[in-house]
Amino acid sequence: MSKEERYLTFALGKGRLANKTLELLEEIGITCEEMKDKSSRKLVFVNEELKLRFFLSKGPDVPTYVEYGAADIGVVGKDTIMEENRRVYEVLDLGFGKCRMCVCGPASAKELLKHHEMIRVASKYPNIAKDYFYNKKHQTVDIIKLNGSVELGPIVKLSDVIVDIVETGSTLNENGLEVLEEICPLSARMIVNQVSMQMETERIKKLIHDLRTRIALADASK
């Protein structure tokens, strides 16, 4: 197979992220008609003309597919990139799916964060929580991994605070919790396999350039 015939493969995080990514790609002339058939049972979708392949996966798996070269390019939330900590290049902020990673809890927990006390932190993102408390705040904490509604942690006294994604903050307010500290802003990002970046530099750089131009135009027209 000559170099021109090689497919570029995209791994997209399922759901809203994938839909928004496909809309954005369509705006720069990249389409995948197969993916529009909602009844399709296919797992991998192909655009023969542009030599592109797409597949959907759970968000946390996207950086794994990209690190190991099963996908050249991935689109996933910054939270997932930070939590999974895979060897990939983060090349572009796509500007959608914006939210924040925060430390949240009852107002009374503010004091615990000031005095470097030993506290319990519940989170779906134990690596992000650990990095923040150990390396940025230099506070020793007990981190408890939860998979479900982490807001329950402080309510049932499992933890003092939580580390979680905040979009509007309405769920927190309804449960008597608030944002105590902001860790970082989040949004959808494009990641690239390190070898693919060397092998397919021109194609990937053109894609990044076209997307960046399109995003800048959209921002300018707001």
C-alpha atoms as a PDB file:
ATOM      1  CA  MET A   1       0.000   0.000   0.000  1.00  0.00           C
ATOM      2  CA  SER A   2       1.520   3.335  -1.019  1.00  0.00           C
ATOM      3  CA  LYS A   3       1.597   6.240   1.364  1.00  0.00           C
ATOM      4  CA  GLU A   4      -1.279   8.003  -0.422  1.00  0.00           C
ATOM      5  CA  GLU A   5      -3.576   5.044   0.221  1.00  0.00           C
ATOM      6  CA  ARG A   6      -3.126   4.937   3.963  1.00  0.00           C
ATOM      7  CA  TYR A   7      -6.282   5.681   5.929  1.00  0.00           C
ATOM      8  CA  LEU A   8      -6.299   8.258   8.694  1.00  0.00           C
ATOM      9  CA  THR A   9      -8.339   6.879  11.569  1.00  0.00           C
ATOM     10  CA  PHE A  10     -10.348   8.980  14.020  1.00  0.00           C
ATOM     11  CA  ALA A  11     -11.532   7.781  17.444  1.00  0.00           C
ATOM     12  CA  LEU A  12     -14.412   9.898  18.718  1.00  0.00           C
ATOM     13  CA  GLY A  13     -15.866   9.937  22.234  1.00  0.00           C
ATOM     14  CA  LYS A  14     -19.487   8.727  21.984  1.00  0.00           C
ATOM     15  CA  GLY A  15     -22.444  11.060  22.321  1.00  0.00           C
ATOM     16  CA  ARG A  16     -22.567  14.848  22.174  1.00  0.00           C
ATOM     17  CA  LEU A  17     -18.806  15.111  21.645  1.00  0.00           C
ATOM     18  CA  ALA A  18     -18.876  12.927  18.523  1.00  0.00           C
ATOM     19  CA  ASN A  19     -21.893  14.765  17.099  1.00  0.00           C
ATOM     20  CA  LYS A  20     -20.283  18.173  17.570  1.00  0.00           C
ATOM     21  CA  THR A  21     -16.991  16.917  16.092  1.00  0.00           C
ATOM     22  CA  LEU A  22     -18.713  15.539  12.994  1.00  0.00           C
ATOM     23  CA  GLU A  23     -20.559  18.856  12.538  1.00  0.00           C
ATOM     24  CA  LEU A  24     -17.244  20.718  12.743  1.00  0.00           C
ATOM     25  CA  LEU A  25     -15.520  18.327  10.319  1.00  0.00           C
ATOM     26  CA  GLU A  26     -18.406  18.748   7.884  1.00  0.00           C
ATOM     27  CA  GLU A  27     -17.831  22.496   7.922  1.00  0.00           C
ATOM     28  CA  ILE A  28     -14.319  21.925   6.533  1.00  0.00           C
ATOM     29  CA  GLY A  29     -15.529  19.441   3.916  1.00  0.00           C
ATOM     30  CA  ILE A  30     -14.941  16.160   5.752  1.00  0.00           C
ATOM     31  CA  THR A  31     -18.036  13.994   5.845  1.00  0.00           C
ATOM     32  CA  CYS A  32     -18.841  10.403   6.641  1.00  0.00           C
ATOM     33  CA  GLU A  33     -22.257   9.526   5.253  1.00  0.00           C
ATOM     34  CA  GLU A  34     -22.165   6.025   6.769  1.00  0.00           C
ATOM     35  CA  MET A  35     -22.231   7.522  10.258  1.00  0.00           C
ATOM     36  CA  LYS A  36     -25.533   9.287   9.595  1.00  0.00           C
ATOM     37  CA  ASP A  37     -27.372   5.977   9.372  1.00  0.00           C
ATOM     38  CA  LYS A  38     -28.501   5.627  12.974  1.00  0.00           C
ATOM     39  CA  SER A  39     -29.728   2.062  12.394  1.00  0.00           C
ATOM     40  CA  SER A  40     -26.286   0.873  11.281  1.00  0.00           C
ATOM     41  CA  ARG A  41     -24.618  -1.789  13.425  1.00  0.00           C
ATOM     42  CA  LYS A  42     -21.187  -1.042  11.968  1.00  0.00           C
ATOM     43  CA  LEU A  43     -18.379  -0.248  14.367  1.00  0.00           C
ATOM     44  CA  VAL A  44     -15.998   1.347  11.863  1.00  0.00           C
ATOM     45  CA  PHE A  45     -17.187   3.871   9.276  1.00  0.00           C
ATOM     46  CA  VAL A  46     -15.238   4.719   6.130  1.00  0.00           C
ATOM     47  CA  ASN A  47     -14.967   7.614   3.712  1.00  0.00           C
ATOM     48  CA  GLU A  48     -13.264   5.883   0.771  1.00  0.00           C
ATOM     49  CA  GLU A  49     -12.801   9.048  -1.233  1.00  0.00           C
ATOM     50  CA  LEU A  50     -10.875  10.921   1.475  1.00  0.00           C
ATOM     51  CA  LYS A  51      -9.259   7.749   2.879  1.00  0.00           C
ATOM     52  CA  LEU A  52     -10.632   8.332   6.357  1.00  0.00           C
ATOM     53  CA  ARG A  53     -11.988   5.941   8.967  1.00  0.00           C
ATOM     54  CA  PHE A  54     -14.030   6.778  12.040  1.00  0.00           C
ATOM     55  CA  PHE A  55     -15.078   4.807  15.080  1.00  0.00           C
ATOM     56  CA  LEU A  56     -16.885   5.683  18.294  1.00  0.00           C
ATOM     57  CA  SER A  57     -15.701   4.611  21.710  1.00  0.00           C
ATOM     58  CA  LYS A  58     -16.204   5.419  25.363  1.00  0.00           C
ATOM     59  CA  GLY A  59     -14.397   8.640  26.231  1.00  0.00           C
ATOM     60  CA  PRO A  60     -11.759   7.159  28.562  1.00  0.00           C
ATOM     61  CA  ASP A  61     -10.714   4.668  25.843  1.00  0.00           C
ATOM     62  CA  VAL A  62     -10.011   7.332  23.187  1.00  0.00           C
ATOM     63  CA  PRO A  63      -6.512   8.278  24.468  1.00  0.00           C
ATOM     64  CA  THR A  64      -5.656   4.548  24.698  1.00  0.00           C
ATOM     65  CA  TYR A  65      -6.583   3.944  21.044  1.00  0.00           C
ATOM     66  CA  VAL A  66      -4.519   6.985  20.043  1.00  0.00           C
ATOM     67  CA  GLU A  67      -1.459   6.144  22.170  1.00  0.00           C
ATOM     68  CA  TYR A  68      -1.244   2.633  20.722  1.00  0.00           C
ATOM     69  CA  GLY A  69      -1.809   3.779  17.135  1.00  0.00           C
ATOM     70  CA  ALA A  70      -5.194   2.079  16.621  1.00  0.00           C
ATOM     71  CA  ALA A  71      -6.351   5.635  15.866  1.00  0.00           C
ATOM     72  CA  ASP A  72      -4.222   8.439  14.433  1.00  0.00           C
ATOM     73  CA  ILE A  73      -6.462  11.175  15.805  1.00  0.00           C
ATOM     74  CA  GLY A  74      -8.842  11.334  18.752  1.00  0.00           C
ATOM     75  CA  VAL A  75     -11.380  13.826  20.056  1.00  0.00           C
ATOM     76  CA  VAL A  76     -12.098  13.756  23.758  1.00  0.00           C
ATOM     77  CA  GLY A  77     -12.598  16.037  26.778  1.00  0.00           C
ATOM     78  CA  LYS A  78      -9.577  17.601  28.470  1.00  0.00           C
ATOM     79  CA  ASP A  79     -10.674  15.902  31.711  1.00  0.00           C
ATOM     80  CA  THR A  80     -10.189  12.482  30.085  1.00  0.00           C
ATOM     81  CA  ILE A  81      -6.761  13.442  28.704  1.00  0.00           C
ATOM     82  CA  MET A  82      -5.648  14.545  32.166  1.00  0.00           C
ATOM     83  CA  GLU A  83      -7.083  11.520  33.964  1.00  0.00           C
ATOM     84  CA  GLU A  84      -5.784   8.894  31.518  1.00  0.00           C
ATOM     85  CA  ASN A  85      -2.370  10.584  31.113  1.00  0.00           C
ATOM     86  CA  ARG A  86      -1.472   8.748  27.897  1.00  0.00           C
ATOM     87  CA  ARG A  87       1.489   9.507  25.614  1.00  0.00           C
ATOM     88  CA  VAL A  88      -0.290  11.559  22.944  1.00  0.00           C
ATOM     89  CA  TYR A  89       0.048  15.037  21.460  1.00  0.00           C
ATOM     90  CA  GLU A  90      -2.736  17.441  22.381  1.00  0.00           C
ATOM     91  CA  VAL A  91      -2.910  19.665  19.305  1.00  0.00           C
ATOM     92  CA  LEU A  92      -6.123  21.680  19.328  1.00  0.00           C
ATOM     93  CA  ASP A  93      -8.807  23.079  21.613  1.00  0.00           C
ATOM     94  CA  LEU A  94     -12.044  22.573  19.678  1.00  0.00           C
ATOM     95  CA  GLY A  95     -13.863  25.125  21.806  1.00  0.00           C
ATOM     96  CA  PHE A  96     -17.020  23.163  22.616  1.00  0.00           C
ATOM     97  CA  GLY A  97     -18.044  21.077  25.629  1.00  0.00           C
ATOM     98  CA  LYS A  98     -16.796  23.846  27.897  1.00  0.00           C
ATOM     99  CA  CYS A  99     -16.944  23.305  31.644  1.00  0.00           C
ATOM    100  CA  ARG A 100     -14.630  23.380  34.690  1.00  0.00           C
ATOM    101  CA  MET A 101     -12.936  20.856  36.945  1.00  0.00           C
ATOM    102  CA  CYS A 102     -13.535  22.012  40.503  1.00  0.00           C
ATOM    103  CA  VAL A 103     -13.222  21.124  44.156  1.00  0.00           C
ATOM    104  CA  CYS A 104     -16.761  21.288  45.554  1.00  0.00           C
ATOM    105  CA  GLY A 105     -18.382  20.741  48.904  1.00  0.00           C
ATOM    106  CA  PRO A 106     -20.436  22.393  51.618  1.00  0.00           C
ATOM    107  CA  ALA A 107     -19.420  25.981  52.487  1.00  0.00           C
ATOM    108  CA  SER A 108     -18.103  24.684  55.824  1.00  0.00           C
ATOM    109  CA  ALA A 109     -15.360  22.731  53.991  1.00  0.00           C
ATOM    110  CA  LYS A 110     -13.638  25.967  52.867  1.00  0.00           C
ATOM    111  CA  GLU A 111     -11.681  26.063  56.112  1.00  0.00           C
ATOM    112  CA  LEU A 112     -10.405  22.507  55.604  1.00  0.00           C
ATOM    113  CA  LEU A 113      -8.866  23.536  52.285  1.00  0.00           C
ATOM    114  CA  LYS A 114      -7.054  26.484  53.831  1.00  0.00           C
ATOM    115  CA  HIS A 115      -5.260  24.690  56.603  1.00  0.00           C
ATOM    116  CA  HIS A 116      -3.826  21.685  54.754  1.00  0.00           C
ATOM    117  CA  GLU A 117      -5.732  19.327  56.998  1.00  0.00           C
ATOM    118  CA  MET A 118      -6.016  15.644  56.164  1.00  0.00           C
ATOM    119  CA  ILE A 119      -9.345  15.397  54.339  1.00  0.00           C
ATOM    120  CA  ARG A 120     -11.238  12.864  52.282  1.00  0.00           C
ATOM    121  CA  VAL A 121     -11.869  13.622  48.618  1.00  0.00           C
ATOM    122  CA  ALA A 122     -14.359  11.653  46.495  1.00  0.00           C
ATOM    123  CA  SER A 123     -13.999  11.751  42.706  1.00  0.00           C
ATOM    124  CA  LYS A 124     -14.487   9.939  39.398  1.00  0.00           C
ATOM    125  CA  TYR A 125     -11.091  11.468  38.574  1.00  0.00           C
ATOM    126  CA  PRO A 126      -8.660  10.173  41.219  1.00  0.00           C
ATOM    127  CA  ASN A 127      -5.555  11.058  39.173  1.00  0.00           C
ATOM    128  CA  ILE A 128      -6.645  14.659  38.625  1.00  0.00           C
ATOM    129  CA  ALA A 129      -7.592  14.964  42.304  1.00  0.00           C
ATOM    130  CA  LYS A 130      -4.276  13.485  43.422  1.00  0.00           C
ATOM    131  CA  ASP A 131      -2.238  15.740  41.132  1.00  0.00           C
ATOM    132  CA  TYR A 132      -4.082  18.839  42.312  1.00  0.00           C
ATOM    133  CA  PHE A 133      -3.894  18.183  46.039  1.00  0.00           C
ATOM    134  CA  TYR A 134      -0.418  16.632  46.147  1.00  0.00           C
ATOM    135  CA  ASN A 135       1.449  18.683  43.550  1.00  0.00           C
ATOM    136  CA  LYS A 136      -0.355  22.036  43.481  1.00  0.00           C
ATOM    137  CA  LYS A 137      -1.694  22.426  47.026  1.00  0.00           C
ATOM    138  CA  HIS A 138       0.821  20.159  48.794  1.00  0.00           C
ATOM    139  CA  GLN A 139      -1.996  18.804  50.910  1.00  0.00           C
ATOM    140  CA  THR A 140      -2.171  15.158  51.952  1.00  0.00           C
ATOM    141  CA  VAL A 141      -5.610  13.743  51.254  1.00  0.00           C
ATOM    142  CA  ASP A 142      -7.394  10.419  51.206  1.00  0.00           C
ATOM    143  CA  ILE A 143      -8.830   9.970  47.704  1.00  0.00           C
ATOM    144  CA  ILE A 144     -11.892   7.773  47.244  1.00  0.00           C
ATOM    145  CA  LYS A 145     -12.855   6.759  43.709  1.00  0.00           C
ATOM    146  CA  LEU A 146     -16.566   6.815  42.919  1.00  0.00           C
ATOM    147  CA  ASN A 147     -18.258   5.958  39.639  1.00  0.00           C
ATOM    148  CA  GLY A 148     -21.728   7.365  40.248  1.00  0.00           C
ATOM    149  CA  SER A 149     -23.075  10.651  41.616  1.00  0.00           C
ATOM    150  CA  VAL A 150     -20.095  12.041  43.481  1.00  0.00           C
ATOM    151  CA  GLU A 151     -22.287  14.789  45.000  1.00  0.00           C
ATOM    152  CA  LEU A 152     -23.461  12.099  47.404  1.00  0.00           C
ATOM    153  CA  GLY A 153     -19.986  11.921  48.964  1.00  0.00           C
ATOM    154  CA  PRO A 154     -20.243  14.946  51.286  1.00  0.00           C
ATOM    155  CA  ILE A 155     -24.006  14.529  51.813  1.00  0.00           C
ATOM    156  CA  VAL A 156     -23.648  11.039  53.322  1.00  0.00           C
ATOM    157  CA  LYS A 157     -20.324  11.966  55.004  1.00  0.00           C
ATOM    158  CA  LEU A 158     -18.221   9.645  52.869  1.00  0.00           C
ATOM    159  CA  SER A 159     -15.983  12.578  51.995  1.00  0.00           C
ATOM    160  CA  ASP A 160     -15.357  16.184  53.008  1.00  0.00           C
ATOM    161  CA  VAL A 161     -15.192  17.461  49.414  1.00  0.00           C
ATOM    162  CA  ILE A 162     -15.433  16.189  45.835  1.00  0.00           C
ATOM    163  CA  VAL A 163     -13.467  16.833  42.645  1.00  0.00           C
ATOM    164  CA  ASP A 164     -15.838  16.910  39.701  1.00  0.00           C
ATOM    165  CA  ILE A 165     -16.839  18.592  36.456  1.00  0.00           C
ATOM    166  CA  VAL A 166     -19.066  21.636  36.855  1.00  0.00           C
ATOM    167  CA  GLU A 167     -21.132  22.984  33.959  1.00  0.00           C
ATOM    168  CA  THR A 168     -23.853  25.199  35.441  1.00  0.00           C
ATOM    169  CA  GLY A 169     -23.525  24.346  39.127  1.00  0.00           C
ATOM    170  CA  SER A 170     -27.274  23.742  39.484  1.00  0.00           C
ATOM    171  CA  THR A 171     -26.850  20.136  40.742  1.00  0.00           C
ATOM    172  CA  LEU A 172     -24.443  21.414  43.400  1.00  0.00           C
ATOM    173  CA  ASN A 173     -26.832  24.159  44.525  1.00  0.00           C
ATOM    174  CA  GLU A 174     -29.750  21.754  44.750  1.00  0.00           C
ATOM    175  CA  ASN A 175     -27.707  19.580  47.089  1.00  0.00           C
ATOM    176  CA  GLY A 176     -26.329  22.328  49.324  1.00  0.00           C
ATOM    177  CA  LEU A 177     -22.856  22.222  47.768  1.00  0.00           C
ATOM    178  CA  GLU A 178     -20.785  24.893  46.039  1.00  0.00           C
ATOM    179  CA  VAL A 179     -17.588  25.382  44.069  1.00  0.00           C
ATOM    180  CA  LEU A 180     -14.775  25.898  46.576  1.00  0.00           C
ATOM    181  CA  GLU A 181     -11.785  25.990  44.203  1.00  0.00           C
ATOM    182  CA  GLU A 182     -11.376  25.809  40.440  1.00  0.00           C
ATOM    183  CA  ILE A 183      -8.738  23.362  39.208  1.00  0.00           C
ATOM    184  CA  CYS A 184      -8.831  24.126  35.460  1.00  0.00           C
ATOM    185  CA  PRO A 185     -11.093  24.934  32.503  1.00  0.00           C
ATOM    186  CA  LEU A 186     -12.136  21.999  30.290  1.00  0.00           C
ATOM    187  CA  SER A 187     -13.307  21.557  26.694  1.00  0.00           C
ATOM    188  CA  ALA A 188     -13.088  19.092  23.808  1.00  0.00           C
ATOM    189  CA  ARG A 189      -9.535  18.613  22.507  1.00  0.00           C
ATOM    190  CA  MET A 190      -7.972  16.918  19.502  1.00  0.00           C
ATOM    191  CA  ILE A 191      -5.144  14.495  20.235  1.00  0.00           C
ATOM    192  CA  VAL A 192      -2.733  12.825  17.805  1.00  0.00           C
ATOM    193  CA  ASN A 193      -0.640   9.663  17.928  1.00  0.00           C
ATOM    194  CA  GLN A 194       3.053  10.525  18.218  1.00  0.00           C
ATOM    195  CA  VAL A 195       4.170   8.308  15.310  1.00  0.00           C
ATOM    196  CA  SER A 196       1.280   9.399  13.064  1.00  0.00           C
ATOM    197  CA  MET A 197       2.352  13.012  13.597  1.00  0.00           C
ATOM    198  CA  GLN A 198       5.732  12.149  12.058  1.00  0.00           C
ATOM    199  CA  MET A 199       4.422   9.834   9.315  1.00  0.00           C
ATOM    200  CA  GLU A 200       1.425  11.905   8.230  1.00  0.00           C
ATOM    201  CA  THR A 201       2.665  15.383   9.093  1.00  0.00           C
ATOM    202  CA  GLU A 202       1.211  17.149   6.046  1.00  0.00           C
ATOM    203  CA  ARG A 203      -2.268  15.625   6.203  1.00  0.00           C
ATOM    204  CA  ILE A 204      -2.593  16.113   9.941  1.00  0.00           C
ATOM    205  CA  LYS A 205      -1.190  19.653   9.904  1.00  0.00           C
ATOM    206  CA  LYS A 206      -3.603  20.621   7.128  1.00  0.00           C
ATOM    207  CA  LEU A 207      -6.493  19.193   9.135  1.00  0.00           C
ATOM    208  CA  ILE A 208      -5.420  21.127  12.258  1.00  0.00           C
ATOM    209  CA  HIS A 209      -4.972  24.312  10.216  1.00  0.00           C
ATOM    210  CA  ASP A 210      -8.405  23.999   8.563  1.00  0.00           C
ATOM    211  CA  LEU A 211     -10.122  23.310  11.884  1.00  0.00           C
ATOM    212  CA  ARG A 212      -8.300  26.137  13.662  1.00  0.00           C
ATOM    213  CA  THR A 213      -9.302  28.579  10.882  1.00  0.00           C
ATOM    214  CA  ARG A 214     -12.914  27.414  11.053  1.00  0.00           C
ATOM    215  CA  ILE A 215     -13.049  27.769  14.860  1.00  0.00           C
ATOM    216  CA  ALA A 216     -11.518  31.263  14.677  1.00  0.00           C
ATOM    217  CA  LEU A 217     -14.110  32.303  12.075  1.00  0.00           C
ATOM    218  CA  ALA A 218     -16.946  30.968  14.217  1.00  0.00           C
ATOM    219  CA  ASP A 219     -15.595  32.806  17.281  1.00  0.00           C
ATOM    220  CA  ALA A 220     -15.236  36.050  15.317  1.00  0.00           C
ATOM    221  CA  SER A 221     -18.853  35.916  14.146  1.00  0.00           C
ATOM    222  CA  LYS A 222     -20.263  35.471  17.680  1.00  0.00           C
END
